């Protein structure tokens, strides 16, 4: 597992030792970030971070900040180790922050802090209904800026959407049993991608 492009290009990342975490493959990660570019100056949340793979790729491609959200012992350890290996500073002085919270609680916490983001990344466990759950959380806790993108990597057969989800599907690509679905907050178009 490696960083594909940008500042940390070709740097190796520590991979999980168990099957509890399923890192995004290089092929799918490359396709996702090619759709999201440019990331310069963007604020990003990496939900279900696992190894920190997606959030680190975003930082490498000049995202301004990334919040890594996970609540698993192995995932939190890997995120910290991978950030440290690359010399990425966490906390108030750095571009990275780690939240040890379940995803629903993280949405709530970020909303309570009145924060909004340019890009929300989510690579949840492959379970039926998880795409709908993420959409529901975003409707309940609207933390996506106008013009912002919600990008979800999910199981290809998990296609049920939250009724009345206000953000249109603007891009979708299938890779084997994986589907990348990108939704845009088009309520008041901002500068962030996929116009």
Foldseek 3Di string as FASTA:
>chain_A
DAQPDADRHPHDADDDPDPPDDDDDPVVLVVVVVQFPPQAQWEEEEEPCQQVRNVVNSVRNHHQAYEYEEQDPNRVVNNVVRCVVVVADEDPVGRYHYDNDHPLVVLVVCLVVVAATQEYEYEDDADAPVQQVVLVSCVVRVRYDAQHKYKYKYFQVRDDHHPPSPWDFQDWDDDPRIIITMTTNNPPHDDGGRD
